[in-house]
């Protein structure tokens, strides 16, 4: 019967959802973005108002914790921690690439031996990626990959591999193996976090609110603006 507030800000999309027992109670999304600094607080306030007005106790907050946009992750995790502190409830950290797999698993008919390769854009020809099986068992660890025609060859030789996420489109011309399948328009969304969040609650898999940080994978590097001539 746990009610969970789900927050997703790892890409340009900003979304918040309240879920309970496998059902979505309330959703707010901005699919255009990035507008996290403006939208997230409003979305959270509206979602909490809905929960409170219906007399539903909030049991936990789940946040998509990376990898992804440095700024987006920082904003989302800070908001999640603040709510947990204020309401004295536990925090759940969910790997963004696992969150990205959920809509594919729910909405796509996959072969039994299929592998999933969620990709988040990391600029140029680099992506944050991992490889999972249909049970979300990790088959290759999360890494920042520079994609070329040889990428993921050892998996493509033995399995159909499904690529998706905002980093996948730029890889389509590079990864041309016949076992490579690309799924368009898949975003990490708060309303797709509930299966993972509810599993974490059942396992009592919570984070230390005081010390929890986003999983950036790579350190943020600030660059100097170019001088005007």
Protein backbone atom coordinates (compact mmCIF):
# COMPACT_ATOMS: atom_id res chain seq x y z
CA UNK A 1 0.00 0.00 0.00
CA UNK A 2 3.03 2.30 -0.26
CA UNK A 3 2.60 5.67 -1.95
CA UNK A 4 5.77 6.79 -3.71
CA UNK A 5 6.70 10.15 -5.21
CA UNK A 6 8.80 9.53 -8.34
CA UNK A 7 11.13 12.22 -9.75
CA UNK A 8 12.94 12.06 -13.11
CA UNK A 9 15.23 14.87 -14.32
CA UNK A 10 18.18 13.07 -15.92
CA UNK A 11 17.60 14.39 -19.46
CA UNK A 12 15.82 17.41 -20.95
CA UNK A 13 12.52 15.83 -19.90
CA UNK A 14 11.21 16.79 -16.46
CA UNK A 15 8.58 14.58 -14.86
CA UNK A 16 7.01 13.79 -11.50
CA UNK A 17 4.50 11.06 -10.67
CA UNK A 18 2.77 9.66 -7.61
CA UNK A 19 2.26 5.90 -7.62
CA UNK A 20 0.59 3.40 -5.32
CA UNK A 21 0.26 -0.37 -5.67
CA UNK A 22 1.16 -0.44 -9.35
CA UNK A 23 -1.14 2.45 -10.23
CA UNK A 24 -0.26 6.00 -11.24
CA UNK A 25 -2.23 8.49 -9.16
CA UNK A 26 -0.96 11.77 -10.59
CA UNK A 27 1.52 12.82 -13.30
CA UNK A 28 3.17 16.06 -14.37
CA UNK A 29 5.52 16.11 -17.37
CA UNK A 30 7.39 18.56 -19.56
CA UNK A 31 8.65 16.63 -22.59
CA UNK A 32 10.21 19.65 -24.31
CA UNK A 33 12.55 21.14 -21.69
CA UNK A 34 14.99 21.61 -20.32
CA UNK A 35 13.03 23.50 -17.68
CA UNK A 36 13.94 21.63 -14.51
CA UNK A 37 14.84 24.67 -12.45
CA UNK A 38 11.42 26.20 -13.17
CA UNK A 39 9.14 23.20 -13.61
CA UNK A 40 10.29 20.68 -11.01
CA UNK A 41 9.24 22.68 -7.95
CA UNK A 42 5.82 23.38 -9.47
CA UNK A 43 5.32 19.74 -10.47
CA UNK A 44 6.32 18.49 -7.02
CA UNK A 45 4.05 20.99 -5.25
CA UNK A 46 1.07 19.99 -7.42
CA UNK A 47 1.73 16.28 -6.90
CA UNK A 48 2.12 16.60 -3.14
CA UNK A 49 -1.03 18.73 -2.99
CA UNK A 50 -2.93 15.97 -4.78
CA UNK A 51 -1.63 13.29 -2.41
CA UNK A 52 -2.30 15.35 0.70
CA UNK A 53 -5.76 16.47 -0.42
CA UNK A 54 -6.77 12.84 -0.88
CA UNK A 55 -5.48 11.86 2.55
CA UNK A 56 -2.83 9.54 1.15
CA UNK A 57 0.29 9.26 3.31
CA UNK A 58 3.53 9.53 1.35
CA UNK A 59 5.81 6.61 2.19
CA UNK A 60 8.95 7.23 0.11
CA UNK A 61 10.55 9.31 -2.63
CA UNK A 62 12.22 7.66 -5.63
CA UNK A 63 14.62 9.63 -7.80
CA UNK A 64 16.33 8.72 -11.04
CA UNK A 65 19.96 9.07 -10.01
CA UNK A 66 21.99 8.89 -13.20
CA UNK A 67 23.94 8.89 -15.32
CA UNK A 68 22.64 11.81 -17.33
CA UNK A 69 22.63 15.59 -17.31
CA UNK A 70 24.83 16.89 -14.49
CA UNK A 71 22.53 19.83 -13.79
CA UNK A 72 19.32 17.83 -14.15
CA UNK A 73 20.50 15.10 -11.79
CA UNK A 74 21.67 17.60 -9.20
CA UNK A 75 18.31 19.41 -9.24
CA UNK A 76 16.29 16.20 -9.02
CA UNK A 77 18.32 14.60 -6.25
CA UNK A 78 18.37 17.82 -4.21
CA UNK A 79 14.58 18.06 -4.44
CA UNK A 80 14.13 14.40 -3.48
CA UNK A 81 16.43 14.71 -0.47
CA UNK A 82 14.65 17.85 0.69
CA UNK A 83 11.26 16.12 0.66
CA UNK A 84 12.67 13.11 2.51
CA UNK A 85 14.17 15.36 5.18
CA UNK A 86 10.99 17.41 5.51
CA UNK A 87 8.65 14.44 5.77
CA UNK A 88 11.05 12.02 7.47
CA UNK A 89 10.56 9.34 4.82
CA UNK A 90 13.08 7.10 3.02
CA UNK A 91 14.85 7.82 -0.26
CA UNK A 92 15.11 5.41 -3.18
CA UNK A 93 17.79 5.90 -5.84
CA UNK A 94 17.06 4.27 -9.20
CA UNK A 95 19.66 3.92 -11.98
CA UNK A 96 18.47 6.02 -14.91
CA UNK A 97 19.35 3.38 -17.49
CA UNK A 98 17.12 0.86 -15.68
CA UNK A 99 14.30 3.42 -15.62
CA UNK A 100 14.77 3.82 -19.37
CA UNK A 101 14.26 0.07 -19.87
CA UNK A 102 10.84 -0.05 -18.20
CA UNK A 103 8.70 1.33 -21.07
CA UNK A 104 10.47 -0.97 -23.53
CA UNK A 105 9.80 -4.01 -21.36
CA UNK A 106 6.15 -3.01 -20.87
CA UNK A 107 5.35 -1.95 -24.43
CA UNK A 108 7.55 -4.00 -26.76
CA UNK A 109 7.29 -7.67 -27.67
CA UNK A 110 10.85 -8.93 -27.23
CA UNK A 111 12.44 -12.28 -28.09
CA UNK A 112 13.36 -14.38 -25.08
CA UNK A 113 17.10 -13.93 -25.70
CA UNK A 114 16.88 -10.18 -26.35
CA UNK A 115 19.30 -7.77 -24.73
CA UNK A 116 18.49 -4.14 -23.94
CA UNK A 117 20.96 -1.31 -24.45
CA UNK A 118 19.58 1.96 -23.07
CA UNK A 119 21.61 4.99 -24.16
CA UNK A 120 21.76 8.52 -22.81
CA UNK A 121 23.45 11.21 -24.87
CA UNK A 122 26.84 12.25 -23.51
CA UNK A 123 27.75 14.62 -26.39
CA UNK A 124 29.55 13.98 -29.67
CA UNK A 125 29.63 10.22 -30.38
CA UNK A 126 29.69 9.33 -26.70
CA UNK A 127 26.80 7.76 -24.81
CA UNK A 128 26.15 6.48 -21.31
CA UNK A 129 25.08 2.90 -21.85
CA UNK A 130 24.70 -0.52 -20.26
CA UNK A 131 23.39 -3.88 -21.38
CA UNK A 132 20.61 -5.77 -19.59
CA UNK A 133 18.63 -8.91 -20.22
CA UNK A 134 14.83 -8.94 -20.06
CA UNK A 135 14.91 -9.48 -16.29
CA UNK A 136 17.09 -6.36 -15.91
CA UNK A 137 20.10 -8.41 -14.94
CA UNK A 138 23.16 -6.34 -15.79
CA UNK A 139 25.15 -8.03 -18.56
CA UNK A 140 27.60 -5.19 -19.11
CA UNK A 141 28.31 -2.46 -16.61
CA UNK A 142 27.33 1.16 -17.13
CA UNK A 143 30.03 3.02 -19.05
CA UNK A 144 30.65 6.08 -21.18
CA UNK A 145 31.04 4.58 -24.66
CA UNK A 146 32.46 6.18 -27.78
CA UNK A 147 30.35 4.44 -30.40
CA UNK A 148 31.77 3.14 -33.66
CA UNK A 149 30.98 0.31 -36.07
CA UNK A 150 32.57 -2.25 -33.73
CA UNK A 151 30.64 -1.26 -30.60
CA UNK A 152 28.73 -4.07 -28.84
CA UNK A 153 29.82 -6.59 -31.50
CA UNK A 154 30.27 -9.42 -29.00
CA UNK A 155 26.63 -9.07 -27.92
CA UNK A 156 25.21 -8.54 -31.41
CA UNK A 157 26.81 -11.74 -32.67
CA UNK A 158 24.79 -13.80 -30.20
CA UNK A 159 21.63 -11.82 -29.39
CA UNK A 160 19.14 -9.37 -30.83
CA UNK A 161 20.04 -6.10 -29.11
CA UNK A 162 17.54 -3.27 -28.72
CA UNK A 163 18.96 0.27 -28.58
CA UNK A 164 16.88 3.18 -27.29
CA UNK A 165 17.06 6.45 -25.39
CA UNK A 166 18.13 9.93 -26.45
CA UNK A 167 21.64 8.70 -27.25
CA UNK A 168 20.56 5.92 -29.60
CA UNK A 169 19.56 7.97 -32.65
CA UNK A 170 23.09 9.18 -33.36
CA UNK A 171 24.35 5.59 -33.20
CA UNK A 172 21.97 4.24 -35.83
CA UNK A 173 24.37 4.91 -38.72
CA UNK A 174 27.29 3.37 -36.82
CA UNK A 175 25.69 0.19 -35.49
CA UNK A 176 24.42 -1.62 -38.59
CA UNK A 177 24.57 -5.27 -37.54
CA UNK A 178 21.39 -7.17 -38.56
CA UNK A 179 20.76 -8.02 -34.89
CA UNK A 180 20.65 -4.32 -33.97
CA UNK A 181 17.15 -2.91 -33.45
CA UNK A 182 16.42 0.73 -32.65
CA UNK A 183 13.33 1.92 -30.77
CA UNK A 184 12.50 5.62 -31.14
CA UNK A 185 10.98 8.09 -28.69
CA UNK A 186 11.86 6.33 -25.45
CA UNK A 187 12.47 8.69 -22.54
CA UNK A 188 13.10 8.07 -18.85
CA UNK A 189 9.83 9.12 -17.22
CA UNK A 190 8.65 9.33 -13.62
CA UNK A 191 5.45 7.41 -14.42
CA UNK A 192 7.60 4.46 -15.55
CA UNK A 193 9.62 4.32 -12.33
CA UNK A 194 6.99 2.64 -10.16
CA UNK A 195 7.89 -1.04 -10.83
CA UNK A 196 11.49 -0.41 -9.77
CA UNK A 197 10.49 1.85 -6.88
CA UNK A 198 7.97 -0.63 -5.50
CA UNK A 199 10.55 -3.42 -5.72
CA UNK A 200 12.97 -1.25 -3.72
CA UNK A 201 10.32 -0.65 -1.05
CA UNK A 202 9.59 -4.38 -0.81
CA UNK A 203 13.31 -5.05 -0.34
CA UNK A 204 13.71 -2.02 1.97
CA UNK A 205 16.50 -0.86 -0.31
CA UNK A 206 16.89 2.76 0.74
CA UNK A 207 19.64 5.35 0.46
CA UNK A 208 21.32 7.36 3.19
CA UNK A 209 19.65 10.72 2.68
CA UNK A 210 22.54 12.65 4.22
CA UNK A 211 25.23 11.25 1.95
CA UNK A 212 23.42 10.24 -1.23
CA UNK A 213 24.76 11.80 -4.43
CA UNK A 214 23.82 11.40 -8.10
CA UNK A 215 25.73 8.88 -10.20
CA UNK A 216 27.37 11.26 -12.66
CA UNK A 217 29.75 8.61 -14.13
CA UNK A 218 31.94 11.41 -15.46
CA UNK A 219 33.01 14.52 -13.60
CA UNK A 220 31.43 17.77 -14.71
CA UNK A 221 33.86 19.87 -16.73
CA UNK A 222 33.16 23.58 -17.02
CA UNK A 223 34.40 25.26 -20.19
CA UNK A 224 35.33 28.86 -20.81
CA UNK A 225 33.08 30.69 -23.25
CA UNK A 226 34.73 31.52 -26.55
CA UNK A 227 36.02 35.08 -26.87
CA UNK A 228 34.32 37.24 -29.42
CA UNK A 229 36.61 38.59 -32.12
